[in-house]
């Protein structure tokens, strides 16, 4: 049960950050790739303390936000 709640929360974070507001393709791509990479890294790091699900969730959120920020910078530069 707890694992399915973690996966649901992870999916919510990734979709919410990748689809919020008017964004360009690099912002969306960056959010998705960052979220997936962050989830993987967070799961590995969290597994060391026995909390892989929580690590994946935190990593996904941080990765999605970071990826979206980088992609947004690229979209802004492309618009100029």
Protein backbone atom coordinates (compact mmCIF):
# COMPACT_ATOMS: atom_id res chain seq x y z
CA UNK A 1 0.00 0.00 0.00
CA UNK A 2 2.73 2.46 0.95
CA UNK A 3 4.64 1.73 -2.25
CA UNK A 4 1.61 2.49 -4.41
CA UNK A 5 1.05 5.77 -2.56
CA UNK A 6 4.67 6.73 -3.19
CA UNK A 7 4.30 5.97 -6.88
CA UNK A 8 1.09 7.98 -7.05
CA UNK A 9 2.76 10.93 -5.34
CA UNK A 10 5.74 10.65 -7.68
CA UNK A 11 3.52 10.66 -10.75
CA UNK A 12 1.63 13.67 -9.41
CA UNK A 13 4.83 15.64 -8.84
CA UNK A 14 6.22 14.86 -12.28
CA UNK A 15 3.00 15.66 -14.15
CA UNK A 16 2.23 18.78 -12.12
CA UNK A 17 5.64 20.31 -12.67
CA UNK A 18 5.87 19.39 -16.33
CA UNK A 19 2.43 20.68 -17.31
CA UNK A 20 2.00 23.86 -15.30
CA UNK A 21 1.67 27.12 -17.19
CA UNK A 22 2.66 28.04 -20.72
CA UNK A 23 5.94 26.31 -21.31
CA UNK A 24 8.15 25.54 -24.23
CA UNK A 25 9.29 22.12 -25.34
CA UNK A 26 12.64 22.35 -23.56
CA UNK A 27 10.95 23.18 -20.25
CA UNK A 28 8.65 20.19 -20.49
CA UNK A 29 11.38 17.83 -21.65
CA UNK A 30 13.71 19.06 -18.92
CA UNK A 31 11.08 18.53 -16.24
CA UNK A 32 10.36 14.98 -17.33
CA UNK A 33 13.99 13.97 -17.76
CA UNK A 34 14.99 15.70 -14.52
CA UNK A 35 12.13 14.04 -12.67
CA UNK A 36 13.04 10.58 -13.91
CA UNK A 37 16.74 11.04 -13.25
CA UNK A 38 16.07 12.55 -9.84
CA UNK A 39 13.75 9.69 -8.93
CA UNK A 40 16.36 7.13 -9.88
CA UNK A 41 19.12 8.90 -7.97
CA UNK A 42 16.84 9.51 -4.98
CA UNK A 43 15.83 5.85 -4.88
CA UNK A 44 19.45 4.74 -4.86
CA UNK A 45 20.42 7.23 -2.16
CA UNK A 46 17.27 6.56 -0.14
CA UNK A 47 17.84 2.82 -0.33
CA UNK A 48 20.98 3.27 1.74
CA UNK A 49 18.79 4.34 4.68
CA UNK A 50 15.94 1.94 3.93
CA UNK A 51 13.67 4.65 2.49
CA UNK A 52 13.92 4.21 -1.26
CA UNK A 53 10.37 5.41 -1.93
CA UNK A 54 10.78 8.63 -0.03
CA UNK A 55 14.15 9.24 -1.66
CA UNK A 56 12.63 8.68 -5.10
CA UNK A 57 9.82 11.10 -4.36
CA UNK A 58 12.13 13.84 -3.13
CA UNK A 59 14.57 13.23 -5.97
CA UNK A 60 11.78 13.39 -8.55
CA UNK A 61 10.54 16.72 -7.24
CA UNK A 62 13.97 18.30 -7.09
CA UNK A 63 14.99 16.85 -10.44
CA UNK A 64 11.79 17.99 -12.16
CA UNK A 65 12.12 21.51 -10.83
CA UNK A 66 15.79 21.71 -11.76
CA UNK A 67 15.22 20.25 -15.21
CA UNK A 68 12.32 22.61 -15.84
CA UNK A 69 14.44 25.60 -14.81
CA UNK A 70 17.22 24.62 -17.19
CA UNK A 71 14.76 23.93 -20.02
CA UNK A 72 13.01 27.23 -19.39
CA UNK A 73 16.32 29.06 -19.71
CA UNK A 74 16.87 27.35 -23.05
CA UNK A 75 13.36 28.24 -24.23
CA UNK A 76 13.86 31.86 -23.19
CA UNK A 77 17.15 32.02 -25.08
CA UNK A 78 15.52 30.48 -28.18
CA UNK A 79 12.78 33.14 -28.11
CA UNK A 80 15.37 35.94 -28.27
